[in-house]
Each structure stands twice: as C-alpha cells, then as structure tokens.
Amino acid sequence: MTQPNTDSLNREFHIDILKRFNWLYSLKPKSLANSMKRLMAPDERRRIIDTGIGIRFYADPLTHLGRKIILDSRYEENTVETFRSEIKSGQVVVDVGANEGGMLSIYPLIIKVKGCISYSNPKLGRG
C-alpha cells in the first residue's frame, strides 16, 4: 500500500478548510470576517502547497493568496510572465505593498543571485 505524498495531504486539508469556511469570503465588513476566522477556524491551518512553477508556499487557505493557489495551483500567471520578461538578472526589485509576499517568492527565480529584493507592507491608518 502506497502512502499519499505530503503535497496531496496538504491539498486535501486545505480543500476541507475552504469548504467549511468559504462563506467568510463574502462576509462584510472584512474586519468581522477576520474576527470570525480567528474564532472559528483552526489555529494551525497553514500547510505547504506546491504552485506548479517551482515555488512552494506555506499557505493559509483563508487568505486571498492561499485560496488562489489552492484552488488554481497557480498565482497570477500573467503577472509572473510579465515579471519574467521585464526583470533581468542582477536588477533591483522594490515591492511596496507586498501584502502576503506572493510575488516575493517569484523574484528570486527571475533575478538569480545577482539581484536585490526589497519589500515593504505599510499599514496605512484609516481615518
């Protein structure tokens, strides 16, 4: 009897979480949805998921990035292709508003070891 690999177990786990908590994506305001996630969803819901383009994420299925990768096995394919055509090895990449860092894991594949990556995710006040 063969054992299922870790990626398929993680995917099954994520799909189960998405099925149970998908309704949170339409709950407004977003602050209420985030509070509900903290109260109802399991604390340890992050698992490693393969994107299919040589990148593995420690993904939370209840975030936009995690949900997109889990459901599509890809993340912003057109954006990745644009970066691959525009960013050259050795260049400096600055990502302002990096959020969960989905693109941060793609840049090193493009710029190789000769480039530099700088990122920021400023928390802007509301008022």
C-alpha atoms as a PDB file:
ATOM      1  CA  MET A   1       0.000   0.000   0.000  1.00  0.00           C
ATOM      2  CA  THR A   2       1.479   3.346  -1.029  1.00  0.00           C
ATOM      3  CA  GLN A   3       1.414   6.352   1.246  1.00  0.00           C
ATOM      4  CA  PRO A   4      -0.050   9.583  -0.154  1.00  0.00           C
ATOM      5  CA  ASN A   5       2.572  12.303  -0.522  1.00  0.00           C
ATOM      6  CA  THR A   6       2.654  15.341   1.734  1.00  0.00           C
ATOM      7  CA  ASP A   7       1.538  17.724  -1.030  1.00  0.00           C
ATOM      8  CA  SER A   8      -1.664  15.780  -1.671  1.00  0.00           C
ATOM      9  CA  LEU A   9      -2.417  15.523   2.066  1.00  0.00           C
ATOM     10  CA  ASN A  10      -1.852  19.254   2.481  1.00  0.00           C
ATOM     11  CA  ARG A  11      -4.087  19.964  -0.525  1.00  0.00           C
ATOM     12  CA  GLU A  12      -6.881  17.777   0.904  1.00  0.00           C
ATOM     13  CA  PHE A  13      -6.567  19.569   4.243  1.00  0.00           C
ATOM     14  CA  HIS A  14      -6.757  22.982   2.548  1.00  0.00           C
ATOM     15  CA  ILE A  15      -9.747  21.994   0.410  1.00  0.00           C
ATOM     16  CA  ASP A  16     -11.557  20.822   3.541  1.00  0.00           C
ATOM     17  CA  ILE A  17     -10.870  24.162   5.270  1.00  0.00           C
ATOM     18  CA  LEU A  18     -12.078  26.051   2.184  1.00  0.00           C
ATOM     19  CA  LYS A  19     -15.299  24.039   2.027  1.00  0.00           C
ATOM     20  CA  ARG A  20     -16.080  24.723   5.679  1.00  0.00           C
ATOM     21  CA  PHE A  21     -15.140  28.401   5.767  1.00  0.00           C
ATOM     22  CA  ASN A  22     -15.671  29.652   2.206  1.00  0.00           C
ATOM     23  CA  TRP A  23     -18.636  31.752   3.386  1.00  0.00           C
ATOM     24  CA  LEU A  24     -16.168  34.039   5.187  1.00  0.00           C
ATOM     25  CA  TYR A  25     -15.047  35.486   1.830  1.00  0.00           C
ATOM     26  CA  SER A  26     -18.419  37.154   1.298  1.00  0.00           C
ATOM     27  CA  LEU A  27     -18.854  38.340   4.895  1.00  0.00           C
ATOM     28  CA  LYS A  28     -18.721  42.131   5.284  1.00  0.00           C
ATOM     29  CA  PRO A  29     -17.182  44.123   6.801  1.00  0.00           C
ATOM     30  CA  LYS A  30     -13.799  42.464   6.324  1.00  0.00           C
ATOM     31  CA  SER A  31     -12.875  43.120   9.960  1.00  0.00           C
ATOM     32  CA  LEU A  32     -15.839  40.947  11.016  1.00  0.00           C
ATOM     33  CA  ALA A  33     -14.732  38.185   8.648  1.00  0.00           C
ATOM     34  CA  ASN A  34     -11.205  38.327  10.075  1.00  0.00           C
ATOM     35  CA  SER A  35     -12.557  38.116  13.630  1.00  0.00           C
ATOM     36  CA  MET A  36     -14.706  35.134  12.676  1.00  0.00           C
ATOM     37  CA  LYS A  37     -11.672  33.413  11.128  1.00  0.00           C
ATOM     38  CA  ARG A  38      -9.745  33.834  14.374  1.00  0.00           C
ATOM     39  CA  LEU A  39     -12.649  32.471  16.423  1.00  0.00           C
ATOM     40  CA  MET A  40     -13.844  29.590  14.263  1.00  0.00           C
ATOM     41  CA  ALA A  41     -11.060  28.328  12.022  1.00  0.00           C
ATOM     42  CA  PRO A  42      -8.335  26.030  13.314  1.00  0.00           C
ATOM     43  CA  ASP A  43      -5.252  27.903  14.501  1.00  0.00           C
ATOM     44  CA  GLU A  44      -2.864  25.602  12.666  1.00  0.00           C
ATOM     45  CA  ARG A  45      -4.333  25.739   9.174  1.00  0.00           C
ATOM     46  CA  ARG A  46      -1.213  26.674   7.218  1.00  0.00           C
ATOM     47  CA  ARG A  47       0.364  23.931   5.148  1.00  0.00           C
ATOM     48  CA  ILE A  48       2.947  23.824   2.379  1.00  0.00           C
ATOM     49  CA  ILE A  49       1.376  23.866  -1.070  1.00  0.00           C
ATOM     50  CA  ASP A  50       3.114  23.494  -4.448  1.00  0.00           C
ATOM     51  CA  THR A  51       2.318  26.193  -7.022  1.00  0.00           C
ATOM     52  CA  GLY A  52       3.374  24.209 -10.074  1.00  0.00           C
ATOM     53  CA  ILE A  53       6.020  26.791 -11.082  1.00  0.00           C
ATOM     54  CA  GLY A  54       8.789  25.660  -8.764  1.00  0.00           C
ATOM     55  CA  ILE A  55       7.608  27.578  -5.718  1.00  0.00           C
ATOM     56  CA  ARG A  56       6.149  26.159  -2.530  1.00  0.00           C
ATOM     57  CA  PHE A  57       4.166  28.378  -0.176  1.00  0.00           C
ATOM     58  CA  TYR A  58       3.382  27.937   3.485  1.00  0.00           C
ATOM     59  CA  ALA A  59      -0.199  28.876   2.660  1.00  0.00           C
ATOM     60  CA  ASP A  60      -3.163  29.875   4.766  1.00  0.00           C
ATOM     61  CA  PRO A  61      -6.292  28.787   2.891  1.00  0.00           C
ATOM     62  CA  LEU A  62      -8.276  31.633   4.416  1.00  0.00           C
ATOM     63  CA  THR A  63      -6.252  34.379   2.724  1.00  0.00           C
ATOM     64  CA  HIS A  64      -6.578  35.539  -0.869  1.00  0.00           C
ATOM     65  CA  LEU A  65      -3.124  34.246  -1.799  1.00  0.00           C
ATOM     66  CA  GLY A  66      -3.591  30.866  -0.131  1.00  0.00           C
ATOM     67  CA  ARG A  67      -7.082  30.365  -1.541  1.00  0.00           C
ATOM     68  CA  LYS A  68      -5.995  31.253  -5.082  1.00  0.00           C
ATOM     69  CA  ILE A  69      -3.011  28.908  -5.050  1.00  0.00           C
ATOM     70  CA  ILE A  70      -5.020  26.055  -3.545  1.00  0.00           C
ATOM     71  CA  LEU A  71      -7.924  26.359  -5.979  1.00  0.00           C
ATOM     72  CA  ASP A  72      -5.917  27.122  -9.139  1.00  0.00           C
ATOM     73  CA  SER A  73      -2.450  25.700  -8.309  1.00  0.00           C
ATOM     74  CA  ARG A  74      -1.170  28.948  -9.807  1.00  0.00           C
ATOM     75  CA  TYR A  75      -0.928  32.548  -8.742  1.00  0.00           C
ATOM     76  CA  GLU A  76      -1.197  35.474 -11.140  1.00  0.00           C
ATOM     77  CA  GLU A  77       0.313  33.677 -14.133  1.00  0.00           C
ATOM     78  CA  ASN A  78       0.164  36.775 -16.357  1.00  0.00           C
ATOM     79  CA  THR A  79       1.942  38.866 -13.723  1.00  0.00           C
ATOM     80  CA  VAL A  80       4.645  36.226 -13.316  1.00  0.00           C
ATOM     81  CA  GLU A  81       5.185  36.117 -17.077  1.00  0.00           C
ATOM     82  CA  THR A  82       5.369  39.920 -17.234  1.00  0.00           C
ATOM     83  CA  PHE A  83       7.982  39.934 -14.470  1.00  0.00           C
ATOM     84  CA  ARG A  84       9.969  37.247 -16.275  1.00  0.00           C
ATOM     85  CA  SER A  85      10.039  39.320 -19.452  1.00  0.00           C
ATOM     86  CA  GLU A  86      10.757  42.695 -17.762  1.00  0.00           C
ATOM     87  CA  ILE A  87      13.034  41.902 -14.810  1.00  0.00           C
ATOM     88  CA  LYS A  88      16.561  40.841 -15.694  1.00  0.00           C
ATOM     89  CA  SER A  89      19.145  39.010 -13.639  1.00  0.00           C
ATOM     90  CA  GLY A  90      21.057  41.414 -11.428  1.00  0.00           C
ATOM     91  CA  GLN A  91      18.347  44.069 -11.239  1.00  0.00           C
ATOM     92  CA  VAL A  92      16.913  45.545  -8.057  1.00  0.00           C
ATOM     93  CA  VAL A  93      13.246  44.833  -7.345  1.00  0.00           C
ATOM     94  CA  VAL A  94      11.282  47.004  -4.898  1.00  0.00           C
ATOM     95  CA  ASP A  95       7.848  45.736  -3.895  1.00  0.00           C
ATOM     96  CA  VAL A  96       5.847  48.341  -1.995  1.00  0.00           C
ATOM     97  CA  GLY A  97       2.653  46.842  -0.616  1.00  0.00           C
ATOM     98  CA  ALA A  98       3.979  43.279  -0.585  1.00  0.00           C
ATOM     99  CA  ASN A  99       0.991  42.098   1.475  1.00  0.00           C
ATOM    100  CA  GLU A 100       1.377  38.322   1.963  1.00  0.00           C
ATOM    101  CA  GLY A 101       4.511  38.230  -0.186  1.00  0.00           C
ATOM    102  CA  GLY A 102       3.225  36.105  -3.055  1.00  0.00           C
ATOM    103  CA  MET A 103       5.440  37.843  -5.567  1.00  0.00           C
ATOM    104  CA  LEU A 104       8.435  37.918  -3.210  1.00  0.00           C
ATOM    105  CA  SER A 105       8.990  34.216  -3.772  1.00  0.00           C
ATOM    106  CA  ILE A 106       8.923  34.654  -7.547  1.00  0.00           C
ATOM    107  CA  TYR A 107      11.506  37.436  -7.827  1.00  0.00           C
ATOM    108  CA  PRO A 108      14.497  35.276  -6.804  1.00  0.00           C
ATOM    109  CA  LEU A 109      13.694  32.820  -9.595  1.00  0.00           C
ATOM    110  CA  ILE A 110      13.987  35.710 -12.034  1.00  0.00           C
ATOM    111  CA  ILE A 111      16.871  37.855 -10.755  1.00  0.00           C
ATOM    112  CA  LYS A 112      19.012  34.898  -9.637  1.00  0.00           C
ATOM    113  CA  VAL A 113      21.699  35.510  -7.031  1.00  0.00           C
ATOM    114  CA  LYS A 114      22.973  38.758  -8.558  1.00  0.00           C
ATOM    115  CA  GLY A 115      19.943  40.925  -7.819  1.00  0.00           C
ATOM    116  CA  CYS A 116      18.432  42.569  -4.786  1.00  0.00           C
ATOM    117  CA  ILE A 117      14.878  42.418  -3.446  1.00  0.00           C
ATOM    118  CA  SER A 118      13.442  44.993  -1.083  1.00  0.00           C
ATOM    119  CA  TYR A 119       9.870  44.959   0.128  1.00  0.00           C
ATOM    120  CA  SER A 120       7.505  46.855   2.357  1.00  0.00           C
ATOM    121  CA  ASN A 121       3.959  46.357   3.517  1.00  0.00           C
ATOM    122  CA  PRO A 122       2.982  49.646   5.130  1.00  0.00           C
ATOM    123  CA  LYS A 123      -0.011  49.669   7.414  1.00  0.00           C
ATOM    124  CA  LEU A 124      -1.884  52.801   6.463  1.00  0.00           C
ATOM    125  CA  GLY A 125      -4.134  54.370   9.069  1.00  0.00           C
ATOM    126  CA  ARG A 126      -7.826  54.717   8.389  1.00  0.00           C
ATOM    127  CA  GLY A 127      -9.442  57.875   9.304  1.00  0.00           C
END
